[in-house]
């Protein structure tokens, strides 16, 4: 499987689902993957509802760096702005299944102080933290793609390792930005294995 050029989602007008459906092989993906690629809700909650288990976060890396606009234009921040980079994997609490990996780039100065502290202190998904702090936002999907796990944008082989995949196993991914108060406050790229499970884990009872 060779890496295909990412599909850029046009801003304004048109159907998001129609735009994402132009991704080669989209129709052949598992229904849950098609849903995750197009949802503007919280992926963690969607996974928990679909598979019937709590989904937690394993933080793989987190730290500050100076923003380089060429690497992440959707943030619209000035070059040199202090930025928090965070790489995580979403893990099923009961099954231990690795559902997704994500790389986030966040502009802390644009967030409420309590949320800034929560990002560093808590092992919670970004969506849950934003809900807990009542941050009013909307998500704008800007690109989707499909490639071997070992060639994932931003993460490379780290994506395969995080998801327990081989370098040649397929992943689909999407990048969206989170806008609050009219300004992009973070950019998130999420990676999902193409071999996504369709069966809910059995529950006692």
N, C-alpha and C. Protein backbone atom coordinates (compact mmCIF):
# COMPACT_ATOMS: atom_id res chain seq x y z
N UNK A 1 0.85 -1.19 0.00
CA UNK A 1 0.00 0.00 0.00
C UNK A 1 0.89 1.24 0.00
N UNK A 2 0.71 2.11 -0.98
CA UNK A 2 1.51 3.32 -1.03
C UNK A 2 0.71 4.50 -0.53
N UNK A 3 1.42 5.49 -0.03
CA UNK A 3 0.76 6.65 0.54
C UNK A 3 0.13 7.49 -0.57
N UNK A 4 -1.14 7.87 -0.37
CA UNK A 4 -1.82 8.73 -1.32
C UNK A 4 -1.77 10.15 -0.81
N UNK A 5 -1.85 11.10 -1.75
CA UNK A 5 -1.87 12.50 -1.35
C UNK A 5 -3.10 12.75 -0.50
N UNK A 6 -2.97 13.55 0.57
CA UNK A 6 -4.13 13.82 1.41
C UNK A 6 -5.21 14.58 0.65
N UNK A 7 -6.44 14.32 1.03
CA UNK A 7 -7.56 15.04 0.46
C UNK A 7 -7.83 16.26 1.31
N UNK A 8 -7.72 17.45 0.73
CA UNK A 8 -8.00 18.68 1.45
C UNK A 8 -9.49 18.96 1.38
N UNK A 9 -10.09 19.19 2.53
CA UNK A 9 -11.53 19.43 2.61
C UNK A 9 -11.78 20.92 2.41
N UNK A 10 -12.56 21.31 1.40
CA UNK A 10 -12.79 22.74 1.17
C UNK A 10 -13.58 23.37 2.30
N UNK A 11 -13.22 24.61 2.63
CA UNK A 11 -13.91 25.33 3.69
C UNK A 11 -15.14 26.03 3.13
N UNK A 12 -16.25 25.89 3.87
CA UNK A 12 -17.46 26.59 3.49
C UNK A 12 -18.15 25.94 2.31
N UNK A 13 -19.46 25.74 2.46
CA UNK A 13 -20.26 25.21 1.36
C UNK A 13 -20.01 23.73 1.13
N UNK A 14 -21.02 23.06 0.59
CA UNK A 14 -20.88 21.65 0.27
C UNK A 14 -21.01 20.76 1.50
N UNK A 15 -21.12 19.48 1.24
CA UNK A 15 -21.29 18.50 2.30
C UNK A 15 -19.94 17.95 2.72
N UNK A 16 -19.69 17.94 4.05
CA UNK A 16 -18.45 17.37 4.55
C UNK A 16 -18.36 15.90 4.19
N UNK A 17 -19.47 15.18 4.33
CA UNK A 17 -19.44 13.77 4.02
C UNK A 17 -19.11 13.52 2.55
N UNK A 18 -19.65 14.34 1.66
CA UNK A 18 -19.36 14.19 0.25
C UNK A 18 -17.89 14.47 -0.05
N UNK A 19 -17.33 15.46 0.65
CA UNK A 19 -15.92 15.79 0.44
C UNK A 19 -15.03 14.65 0.91
N UNK A 20 -15.31 14.11 2.10
CA UNK A 20 -14.48 13.04 2.65
C UNK A 20 -14.69 11.75 1.85
N UNK A 21 -15.89 11.54 1.32
CA UNK A 21 -16.18 10.34 0.54
C UNK A 21 -15.34 10.25 -0.73
N UNK A 22 -14.72 11.35 -1.13
CA UNK A 22 -13.84 11.34 -2.30
C UNK A 22 -12.50 10.67 -2.01
N UNK A 23 -12.23 10.36 -0.74
CA UNK A 23 -10.99 9.65 -0.39
C UNK A 23 -11.00 8.28 -1.05
N UNK A 24 -9.94 7.91 -1.80
CA UNK A 24 -9.91 6.60 -2.46
C UNK A 24 -10.15 5.47 -1.46
N UNK A 25 -11.09 4.59 -1.79
CA UNK A 25 -11.38 3.45 -0.93
C UNK A 25 -12.32 3.74 0.22
N UNK A 26 -12.86 4.95 0.27
CA UNK A 26 -13.73 5.34 1.40
C UNK A 26 -14.90 4.38 1.55
N UNK A 27 -15.56 4.03 0.44
CA UNK A 27 -16.75 3.19 0.51
C UNK A 27 -16.45 1.80 1.06
N UNK A 28 -15.19 1.34 0.93
CA UNK A 28 -14.84 0.02 1.41
C UNK A 28 -14.43 -0.02 2.87
N UNK A 29 -14.34 1.14 3.52
CA UNK A 29 -13.96 1.18 4.93
C UNK A 29 -15.11 0.70 5.82
N UNK A 30 -14.77 0.18 6.99
CA UNK A 30 -15.80 -0.22 7.95
C UNK A 30 -16.69 0.97 8.29
N UNK A 31 -18.00 0.74 8.50
CA UNK A 31 -18.91 1.84 8.82
C UNK A 31 -18.44 2.71 9.97
N UNK A 32 -17.86 2.09 11.01
CA UNK A 32 -17.41 2.91 12.14
C UNK A 32 -16.29 3.85 11.73
N UNK A 33 -15.42 3.41 10.81
CA UNK A 33 -14.34 4.28 10.35
C UNK A 33 -14.89 5.45 9.53
N UNK A 34 -15.87 5.17 8.70
CA UNK A 34 -16.48 6.25 7.91
C UNK A 34 -17.13 7.27 8.84
N UNK A 35 -17.73 6.77 9.92
CA UNK A 35 -18.35 7.68 10.89
C UNK A 35 -17.31 8.52 11.60
N UNK A 36 -16.21 7.90 12.03
CA UNK A 36 -15.17 8.63 12.77
C UNK A 36 -14.49 9.68 11.90
N UNK A 37 -14.34 9.40 10.62
CA UNK A 37 -13.69 10.36 9.73
C UNK A 37 -14.54 11.60 9.49
N UNK A 38 -15.85 11.46 9.60
CA UNK A 38 -16.73 12.58 9.26
C UNK A 38 -17.39 13.24 10.47
N UNK A 39 -17.28 12.66 11.65
CA UNK A 39 -17.96 13.24 12.80
C UNK A 39 -17.30 14.54 13.24
N UNK A 40 -18.12 15.48 13.73
CA UNK A 40 -17.55 16.68 14.34
C UNK A 40 -17.73 16.64 15.85
N UNK A 41 -18.04 15.45 16.36
CA UNK A 41 -18.17 15.26 17.81
C UNK A 41 -16.89 14.70 18.40
N UNK A 42 -17.00 14.21 19.64
CA UNK A 42 -15.85 13.68 20.35
C UNK A 42 -15.62 12.22 19.99
N UNK A 43 -14.47 11.91 19.43
CA UNK A 43 -14.16 10.55 19.01
C UNK A 43 -14.19 9.58 20.20
N UNK A 44 -13.69 10.01 21.34
CA UNK A 44 -13.66 9.14 22.52
C UNK A 44 -15.05 8.67 22.90
N UNK A 45 -16.02 9.59 22.91
CA UNK A 45 -17.38 9.24 23.27
C UNK A 45 -18.02 8.35 22.20
N UNK A 46 -17.71 8.61 20.94
CA UNK A 46 -18.24 7.78 19.86
C UNK A 46 -17.73 6.34 19.99
N UNK A 47 -16.44 6.18 20.28
CA UNK A 47 -15.87 4.85 20.44
C UNK A 47 -16.48 4.14 21.65
N UNK A 48 -16.65 4.86 22.76
CA UNK A 48 -17.22 4.26 23.96
C UNK A 48 -18.64 3.77 23.70
N UNK A 49 -19.42 4.57 22.96
CA UNK A 49 -20.80 4.18 22.65
C UNK A 49 -20.83 2.98 21.70
N UNK A 50 -19.96 2.98 20.72
CA UNK A 50 -19.98 1.92 19.71
C UNK A 50 -19.53 0.59 20.28
N UNK A 51 -18.49 0.61 21.12
CA UNK A 51 -17.91 -0.64 21.60
C UNK A 51 -18.31 -1.00 23.03
N UNK A 52 -19.08 -0.14 23.68
CA UNK A 52 -19.61 -0.49 25.00
C UNK A 52 -18.56 -0.59 26.09
N UNK A 53 -17.52 0.24 26.01
CA UNK A 53 -16.52 0.27 27.07
C UNK A 53 -15.95 1.68 27.20
N UNK A 54 -15.46 2.00 28.39
CA UNK A 54 -14.80 3.28 28.57
C UNK A 54 -13.52 3.31 27.74
N UNK A 55 -13.19 4.48 27.24
CA UNK A 55 -11.98 4.65 26.44
C UNK A 55 -11.11 5.70 27.11
N UNK A 56 -9.89 5.32 27.45
CA UNK A 56 -8.98 6.22 28.15
C UNK A 56 -7.82 6.66 27.26
N UNK A 57 -6.98 7.50 27.83
CA UNK A 57 -5.85 8.09 27.10
C UNK A 57 -4.53 7.62 27.69
N UNK A 58 -3.63 7.21 26.81
CA UNK A 58 -2.24 6.97 27.20
C UNK A 58 -1.41 8.05 26.52
N UNK A 59 -0.81 8.93 27.32
CA UNK A 59 -0.01 10.03 26.77
C UNK A 59 1.38 9.50 26.45
N UNK A 60 1.74 9.55 25.17
CA UNK A 60 3.04 9.03 24.73
C UNK A 60 4.13 10.10 24.83
N UNK A 61 3.77 11.33 24.53
CA UNK A 61 4.74 12.43 24.64
C UNK A 61 3.97 13.74 24.77
N UNK A 62 4.61 14.71 25.41
CA UNK A 62 3.99 16.01 25.60
C UNK A 62 5.07 17.02 25.93
N UNK A 63 5.04 18.15 25.26
CA UNK A 63 6.05 19.16 25.54
C UNK A 63 5.84 20.40 24.70
N UNK A 64 6.57 21.47 25.05
CA UNK A 64 6.44 22.74 24.36
C UNK A 64 7.50 22.90 23.28
N UNK A 65 7.14 23.66 22.25
CA UNK A 65 8.09 24.03 21.22
C UNK A 65 7.62 25.34 20.60
N UNK A 66 8.52 25.97 19.86
CA UNK A 66 8.15 27.20 19.16
C UNK A 66 7.42 26.83 17.88
N UNK A 67 6.35 27.54 17.61
CA UNK A 67 5.52 27.26 16.43
C UNK A 67 6.25 27.61 15.14
N UNK A 68 6.23 26.67 14.19
CA UNK A 68 6.79 26.88 12.86
C UNK A 68 5.63 26.80 11.87
N UNK A 69 5.19 27.92 11.36
CA UNK A 69 3.99 27.99 10.54
C UNK A 69 3.97 27.03 9.38
N UNK A 70 5.12 26.74 8.80
CA UNK A 70 5.16 25.86 7.62
C UNK A 70 4.69 24.45 7.95
N UNK A 71 4.76 24.05 9.23
CA UNK A 71 4.39 22.70 9.62
C UNK A 71 2.90 22.55 9.91
N UNK A 72 2.21 23.64 10.17
CA UNK A 72 0.84 23.52 10.63
C UNK A 72 0.11 24.82 10.38
N UNK A 73 -0.15 25.12 9.13
CA UNK A 73 -0.71 26.42 8.75
C UNK A 73 -2.10 26.67 9.30
N UNK A 74 -2.86 25.59 9.60
CA UNK A 74 -4.24 25.81 10.02
C UNK A 74 -4.38 26.48 11.37
N UNK A 75 -3.29 26.59 12.13
CA UNK A 75 -3.39 27.28 13.43
C UNK A 75 -3.41 28.80 13.28
N UNK A 76 -2.88 29.32 12.20
CA UNK A 76 -2.87 30.76 11.96
C UNK A 76 -2.19 31.53 13.10
N UNK A 77 -1.16 30.94 13.68
CA UNK A 77 -0.41 31.58 14.76
C UNK A 77 0.87 32.20 14.20
N UNK A 78 1.40 33.17 14.93
CA UNK A 78 2.65 33.80 14.52
C UNK A 78 3.81 32.83 14.74
N UNK A 79 4.76 32.83 13.82
CA UNK A 79 5.95 32.00 13.97
C UNK A 79 6.64 32.35 15.28
N UNK A 80 7.02 31.33 16.04
CA UNK A 80 7.66 31.54 17.33
C UNK A 80 6.70 31.45 18.50
N UNK A 81 5.39 31.41 18.25
CA UNK A 81 4.41 31.29 19.32
C UNK A 81 4.65 29.99 20.10
N UNK A 82 4.54 30.05 21.43
CA UNK A 82 4.73 28.86 22.26
C UNK A 82 3.57 27.89 22.02
N UNK A 83 3.91 26.66 21.68
CA UNK A 83 2.92 25.67 21.30
C UNK A 83 3.16 24.39 22.09
N UNK A 84 2.06 23.74 22.50
CA UNK A 84 2.15 22.46 23.19
C UNK A 84 1.87 21.34 22.20
N UNK A 85 2.78 20.40 22.09
CA UNK A 85 2.58 19.21 21.25
C UNK A 85 2.30 18.02 22.15
N UNK A 86 1.29 17.25 21.77
CA UNK A 86 0.84 16.14 22.60
C UNK A 86 0.53 14.95 21.69
N UNK A 87 1.13 13.79 21.98
CA UNK A 87 0.86 12.57 21.22
C UNK A 87 0.26 11.55 22.17
N UNK A 88 -0.91 11.01 21.77
CA UNK A 88 -1.62 10.08 22.65
C UNK A 88 -2.12 8.88 21.86
N UNK A 89 -2.55 7.85 22.60
CA UNK A 89 -3.27 6.74 22.00
C UNK A 89 -4.52 6.50 22.84
N UNK A 90 -5.64 6.23 22.17
CA UNK A 90 -6.91 5.94 22.85
C UNK A 90 -7.02 4.43 23.04
N UNK A 91 -7.23 4.01 24.31
CA UNK A 91 -7.18 2.60 24.67
C UNK A 91 -8.48 2.19 25.36
N UNK A 92 -9.04 1.05 24.97
CA UNK A 92 -10.23 0.52 25.63
C UNK A 92 -9.90 0.07 27.04
N UNK A 93 -10.69 0.53 28.02
CA UNK A 93 -10.40 0.23 29.43
C UNK A 93 -10.53 -1.26 29.73
N UNK A 94 -11.51 -1.92 29.13
CA UNK A 94 -11.72 -3.34 29.40
C UNK A 94 -10.94 -4.23 28.45
N UNK A 95 -10.92 -3.88 27.18
CA UNK A 95 -10.31 -4.74 26.16
C UNK A 95 -8.82 -4.52 25.98
N UNK A 96 -8.34 -3.30 26.32
CA UNK A 96 -6.96 -2.95 26.04
C UNK A 96 -6.71 -2.66 24.58
N UNK A 97 -7.79 -2.61 23.79
CA UNK A 97 -7.68 -2.38 22.36
C UNK A 97 -7.21 -0.95 22.08
N UNK A 98 -6.28 -0.80 21.14
CA UNK A 98 -5.77 0.52 20.76
C UNK A 98 -6.58 1.02 19.57
N UNK A 99 -7.50 1.93 19.86
CA UNK A 99 -8.45 2.37 18.84
C UNK A 99 -7.88 3.45 17.91
N UNK A 100 -7.08 4.35 18.44
CA UNK A 100 -6.64 5.49 17.64
C UNK A 100 -5.40 6.11 18.28
N UNK A 101 -4.60 6.76 17.44
CA UNK A 101 -3.50 7.60 17.92
C UNK A 101 -3.77 9.02 17.44
N UNK A 102 -3.21 9.99 18.14
CA UNK A 102 -3.44 11.39 17.74
C UNK A 102 -2.25 12.25 18.11
N UNK A 103 -1.98 13.22 17.24
CA UNK A 103 -0.99 14.26 17.52
C UNK A 103 -1.74 15.59 17.55
N UNK A 104 -1.60 16.31 18.66
CA UNK A 104 -2.27 17.61 18.82
C UNK A 104 -1.22 18.71 18.93
N UNK A 105 -1.53 19.85 18.34
CA UNK A 105 -0.71 21.05 18.47
C UNK A 105 -1.62 22.15 18.98
N UNK A 106 -1.29 22.66 20.13
CA UNK A 106 -2.19 23.53 20.88
C UNK A 106 -1.50 24.85 21.19
N UNK A 107 -2.25 25.95 21.08
CA UNK A 107 -1.74 27.27 21.44
C UNK A 107 -2.29 27.60 22.84
N UNK A 108 -1.54 27.30 23.91
CA UNK A 108 -2.07 27.42 25.28
C UNK A 108 -2.56 28.82 25.64
N UNK A 109 -1.90 29.86 25.12
CA UNK A 109 -2.25 31.22 25.51
C UNK A 109 -3.69 31.57 25.09
N UNK A 110 -4.25 30.83 24.15
CA UNK A 110 -5.61 31.08 23.70
C UNK A 110 -6.66 30.30 24.49
N UNK A 111 -6.22 29.51 25.46
CA UNK A 111 -7.13 28.69 26.26
C UNK A 111 -7.30 29.26 27.66
N UNK A 112 -8.45 28.97 28.32
CA UNK A 112 -8.63 29.39 29.72
C UNK A 112 -7.54 28.77 30.59
N UNK A 113 -7.09 29.47 31.63
CA UNK A 113 -6.01 28.96 32.49
C UNK A 113 -6.27 27.56 33.04
N UNK A 114 -7.50 27.29 33.46
CA UNK A 114 -7.81 25.97 34.03
C UNK A 114 -7.62 24.86 33.02
N UNK A 115 -7.95 25.12 31.78
CA UNK A 115 -7.79 24.12 30.73
C UNK A 115 -6.32 23.92 30.41
N UNK A 116 -5.55 24.99 30.42
CA UNK A 116 -4.10 24.88 30.22
C UNK A 116 -3.49 23.94 31.24
N UNK A 117 -3.87 24.12 32.51
CA UNK A 117 -3.34 23.28 33.59
C UNK A 117 -3.79 21.84 33.43
N UNK A 118 -5.06 21.67 33.02
CA UNK A 118 -5.59 20.32 32.85
C UNK A 118 -4.87 19.53 31.78
N UNK A 119 -4.45 20.20 30.72
CA UNK A 119 -3.73 19.53 29.65
C UNK A 119 -2.44 18.89 30.16
N UNK A 120 -1.79 19.57 31.09
CA UNK A 120 -0.51 19.08 31.60
C UNK A 120 -0.69 18.07 32.73
N UNK A 121 -1.74 18.26 33.54
CA UNK A 121 -1.87 17.47 34.76
C UNK A 121 -2.73 16.22 34.59
N UNK A 122 -3.65 16.21 33.64
CA UNK A 122 -4.63 15.14 33.56
C UNK A 122 -4.39 14.25 32.34
N UNK A 123 -4.76 12.98 32.49
CA UNK A 123 -4.69 12.01 31.40
C UNK A 123 -6.08 11.85 30.80
N UNK A 124 -6.62 12.94 30.30
CA UNK A 124 -7.95 12.93 29.73
C UNK A 124 -7.90 13.32 28.25
N UNK A 125 -8.83 12.81 27.45
CA UNK A 125 -8.90 13.24 26.05
C UNK A 125 -9.20 14.73 25.97
N UNK A 126 -8.73 15.36 24.91
CA UNK A 126 -8.96 16.80 24.74
C UNK A 126 -10.44 17.15 24.75
N UNK A 127 -11.25 16.32 24.06
CA UNK A 127 -12.68 16.60 24.01
C UNK A 127 -13.32 16.65 25.37
N UNK A 128 -12.94 15.70 26.24
CA UNK A 128 -13.50 15.68 27.59
C UNK A 128 -13.04 16.88 28.41
N UNK A 129 -11.78 17.26 28.24
CA UNK A 129 -11.28 18.43 28.96
C UNK A 129 -12.02 19.70 28.53
N UNK A 130 -12.27 19.84 27.24
CA UNK A 130 -12.96 21.04 26.75
C UNK A 130 -14.40 21.07 27.25
N UNK A 131 -15.05 19.91 27.31
CA UNK A 131 -16.40 19.85 27.85
C UNK A 131 -16.42 20.19 29.33
N UNK A 132 -15.45 19.64 30.07
CA UNK A 132 -15.39 19.89 31.51
C UNK A 132 -15.20 21.37 31.82
N UNK A 133 -14.47 22.06 30.97
CA UNK A 133 -14.21 23.49 31.19
C UNK A 133 -15.17 24.38 30.40
N UNK A 134 -16.20 23.76 29.81
CA UNK A 134 -17.26 24.48 29.09
C UNK A 134 -16.71 25.43 28.02
N UNK A 135 -15.69 24.97 27.32
CA UNK A 135 -15.12 25.78 26.25
C UNK A 135 -15.99 25.64 25.00
N UNK A 136 -16.54 26.73 24.53
CA UNK A 136 -17.37 26.71 23.35
C UNK A 136 -16.48 26.67 22.10
N UNK A 137 -16.66 25.64 21.32
CA UNK A 137 -15.80 25.43 20.15
C UNK A 137 -16.59 24.87 18.99
N UNK A 138 -15.98 24.90 17.82
CA UNK A 138 -16.44 24.05 16.72
C UNK A 138 -15.22 23.48 16.03
N UNK A 139 -15.40 22.31 15.43
CA UNK A 139 -14.31 21.61 14.77
C UNK A 139 -14.46 21.73 13.26
N UNK A 140 -13.36 22.00 12.62
CA UNK A 140 -13.34 22.16 11.17
C UNK A 140 -12.35 21.16 10.59
N UNK A 141 -12.86 20.13 9.91
CA UNK A 141 -11.98 19.14 9.31
C UNK A 141 -11.33 19.73 8.06
N UNK A 142 -10.01 19.65 8.00
CA UNK A 142 -9.29 20.29 6.90
C UNK A 142 -8.63 19.31 5.94
N UNK A 143 -8.39 18.06 6.37
CA UNK A 143 -7.75 17.09 5.47
C UNK A 143 -8.00 15.68 5.98
N UNK A 144 -8.06 14.74 5.05
CA UNK A 144 -8.14 13.32 5.39
C UNK A 144 -7.16 12.58 4.48
N UNK A 145 -6.75 11.39 4.90
CA UNK A 145 -5.80 10.64 4.09
C UNK A 145 -5.78 9.17 4.46
N UNK A 146 -4.99 8.43 3.69
CA UNK A 146 -4.87 6.98 3.85
C UNK A 146 -3.45 6.60 3.48
N UNK A 147 -2.78 5.79 4.32
CA UNK A 147 -1.38 5.47 4.05
C UNK A 147 -0.95 4.29 4.91
N UNK A 148 0.25 3.73 4.68
CA UNK A 148 0.80 2.72 5.58
C UNK A 148 1.11 3.36 6.94
N UNK A 149 0.93 2.59 8.00
CA UNK A 149 1.13 3.13 9.34
C UNK A 149 2.54 3.69 9.53
N UNK A 150 3.53 3.06 8.92
CA UNK A 150 4.91 3.51 9.09
C UNK A 150 5.23 4.80 8.36
N UNK A 151 4.28 5.28 7.52
CA UNK A 151 4.49 6.52 6.78
C UNK A 151 3.47 7.58 7.18
N UNK A 152 2.88 7.42 8.34
CA UNK A 152 1.84 8.36 8.78
C UNK A 152 2.42 9.77 8.92
N UNK A 153 1.71 10.80 8.44
CA UNK A 153 2.21 12.16 8.58
C UNK A 153 2.38 12.52 10.05
N UNK A 154 3.41 13.31 10.34
CA UNK A 154 3.74 13.79 11.69
C UNK A 154 4.35 12.72 12.59
N UNK A 155 3.86 11.47 12.50
CA UNK A 155 4.31 10.44 13.44
C UNK A 155 5.23 9.40 12.84
N UNK A 156 5.08 9.10 11.55
CA UNK A 156 5.91 8.07 10.94
C UNK A 156 5.73 6.73 11.65
N UNK A 157 6.84 6.05 11.91
CA UNK A 157 6.79 4.71 12.50
C UNK A 157 6.20 4.74 13.91
N UNK A 158 6.23 5.89 14.57
CA UNK A 158 5.65 6.00 15.91
C UNK A 158 4.15 5.70 15.89
N UNK A 159 3.50 5.98 14.76
CA UNK A 159 2.07 5.68 14.63
C UNK A 159 1.85 4.17 14.65
N UNK A 160 2.66 3.45 13.88
CA UNK A 160 2.54 1.99 13.86
C UNK A 160 2.78 1.41 15.25
N UNK A 161 3.80 1.90 15.93
CA UNK A 161 4.12 1.40 17.26
C UNK A 161 2.98 1.69 18.24
N UNK A 162 2.42 2.89 18.18
CA UNK A 162 1.36 3.28 19.12
C UNK A 162 0.12 2.42 18.94
N UNK A 163 -0.17 2.03 17.71
CA UNK A 163 -1.38 1.26 17.43
C UNK A 163 -1.13 -0.25 17.39
N UNK A 164 0.10 -0.66 17.62
CA UNK A 164 0.43 -2.08 17.57
C UNK A 164 0.33 -2.66 16.18
N UNK A 165 0.70 -1.87 15.17
CA UNK A 165 0.60 -2.29 13.78
C UNK A 165 1.97 -2.49 13.17
N UNK A 166 2.01 -3.20 12.05
CA UNK A 166 3.22 -3.28 11.27
C UNK A 166 3.37 -2.04 10.41
N UNK A 167 4.59 -1.78 9.94
CA UNK A 167 4.84 -0.57 9.15
C UNK A 167 3.98 -0.51 7.89
N UNK A 168 3.63 -1.67 7.31
CA UNK A 168 2.87 -1.69 6.07
C UNK A 168 1.36 -1.78 6.27
N UNK A 169 0.92 -1.92 7.51
CA UNK A 169 -0.52 -1.97 7.76
C UNK A 169 -1.16 -0.61 7.49
N UNK A 170 -2.37 -0.62 6.98
CA UNK A 170 -3.01 0.62 6.59
C UNK A 170 -3.63 1.39 7.74
N UNK A 171 -3.56 2.71 7.64
CA UNK A 171 -4.30 3.60 8.54
C UNK A 171 -5.02 4.66 7.70
N UNK A 172 -6.11 5.15 8.24
CA UNK A 172 -6.75 6.33 7.69
C UNK A 172 -6.61 7.43 8.73
N UNK A 173 -6.56 8.67 8.28
CA UNK A 173 -6.33 9.76 9.22
C UNK A 173 -7.11 11.00 8.80
N UNK A 174 -7.28 11.88 9.75
CA UNK A 174 -7.91 13.17 9.45
C UNK A 174 -7.25 14.24 10.31
N UNK A 175 -7.21 15.45 9.79
CA UNK A 175 -6.73 16.61 10.54
C UNK A 175 -7.88 17.61 10.65
N UNK A 176 -8.11 18.08 11.86
CA UNK A 176 -9.11 19.13 12.05
C UNK A 176 -8.55 20.19 12.98
N UNK A 177 -9.11 21.36 12.88
CA UNK A 177 -8.73 22.41 13.81
C UNK A 177 -9.92 22.75 14.69
N UNK A 178 -9.62 23.13 15.92
CA UNK A 178 -10.64 23.52 16.89
C UNK A 178 -10.62 25.04 17.00
N UNK A 179 -11.77 25.65 16.74
CA UNK A 179 -11.88 27.11 16.74
C UNK A 179 -12.70 27.54 17.94
N UNK A 180 -12.20 28.52 18.69
CA UNK A 180 -12.91 29.07 19.84
C UNK A 180 -12.74 30.58 19.83
N UNK A 181 -13.82 31.30 20.04
CA UNK A 181 -13.75 32.75 20.02
C UNK A 181 -13.29 33.30 18.70
N UNK A 182 -13.57 32.57 17.62
CA UNK A 182 -13.20 33.02 16.28
C UNK A 182 -11.75 32.76 15.91
N UNK A 183 -10.99 32.07 16.78
CA UNK A 183 -9.57 31.81 16.49
C UNK A 183 -9.26 30.33 16.63
N UNK A 184 -8.43 29.78 15.75
CA UNK A 184 -8.02 28.38 15.91
C UNK A 184 -7.12 28.24 17.14
N UNK A 185 -7.51 27.36 18.06
CA UNK A 185 -6.74 27.18 19.30
C UNK A 185 -5.92 25.90 19.29
N UNK A 186 -6.28 24.96 18.42
CA UNK A 186 -5.51 23.73 18.33
C UNK A 186 -5.78 23.03 17.01
N UNK A 187 -4.83 22.20 16.62
CA UNK A 187 -4.94 21.37 15.43
C UNK A 187 -4.68 19.93 15.86
N UNK A 188 -5.53 19.01 15.41
CA UNK A 188 -5.43 17.61 15.83
C UNK A 188 -5.43 16.71 14.60
N UNK A 189 -4.49 15.78 14.55
CA UNK A 189 -4.48 14.75 13.51
C UNK A 189 -4.70 13.40 14.19
N UNK A 190 -5.76 12.70 13.79
CA UNK A 190 -6.12 11.41 14.38
C UNK A 190 -5.87 10.30 13.37
N UNK A 191 -5.37 9.17 13.86
CA UNK A 191 -5.03 8.02 13.02
C UNK A 191 -5.81 6.80 13.49
N UNK A 192 -6.45 6.11 12.54
CA UNK A 192 -7.26 4.93 12.86
C UNK A 192 -6.78 3.74 12.03
N UNK A 193 -6.60 2.56 12.66
CA UNK A 193 -6.19 1.39 11.86
C UNK A 193 -7.31 0.98 10.91
N UNK A 194 -6.96 0.60 9.69
CA UNK A 194 -7.97 0.16 8.74
C UNK A 194 -8.61 -1.16 9.17
N UNK A 195 -7.87 -1.96 9.93
CA UNK A 195 -8.41 -3.24 10.42
C UNK A 195 -9.22 -2.98 11.69
N UNK A 196 -10.18 -2.08 11.59
CA UNK A 196 -10.94 -1.65 12.76
C UNK A 196 -11.96 -2.71 13.13
N UNK A 197 -12.07 -3.06 14.41
CA UNK A 197 -13.02 -4.10 14.83
C UNK A 197 -14.46 -3.63 14.69
N UNK A 198 -15.33 -4.55 14.26
CA UNK A 198 -16.74 -4.20 14.08
C UNK A 198 -17.62 -4.76 15.19
N UNK A 199 -17.09 -5.70 15.95
CA UNK A 199 -17.92 -6.39 16.95
C UNK A 199 -17.72 -5.75 18.32
N UNK A 200 -18.82 -5.47 18.99
CA UNK A 200 -18.75 -4.96 20.35
C UNK A 200 -18.14 -6.02 21.27
N UNK A 201 -17.29 -5.60 22.23
CA UNK A 201 -16.78 -6.59 23.18
C UNK A 201 -17.92 -7.14 24.04
N UNK A 202 -17.83 -8.41 24.39
CA UNK A 202 -18.87 -9.00 25.21
C UNK A 202 -18.85 -8.38 26.59
N UNK A 203 -20.03 -8.18 27.16
CA UNK A 203 -20.14 -7.64 28.51
C UNK A 203 -20.73 -8.67 29.43
N UNK A 204 -20.34 -8.68 30.71
CA UNK A 204 -20.87 -9.66 31.65
C UNK A 204 -22.39 -9.53 31.78
N UNK A 205 -23.02 -10.59 32.09
CA UNK A 205 -24.42 -10.47 32.42
C UNK A 205 -25.32 -11.36 31.68
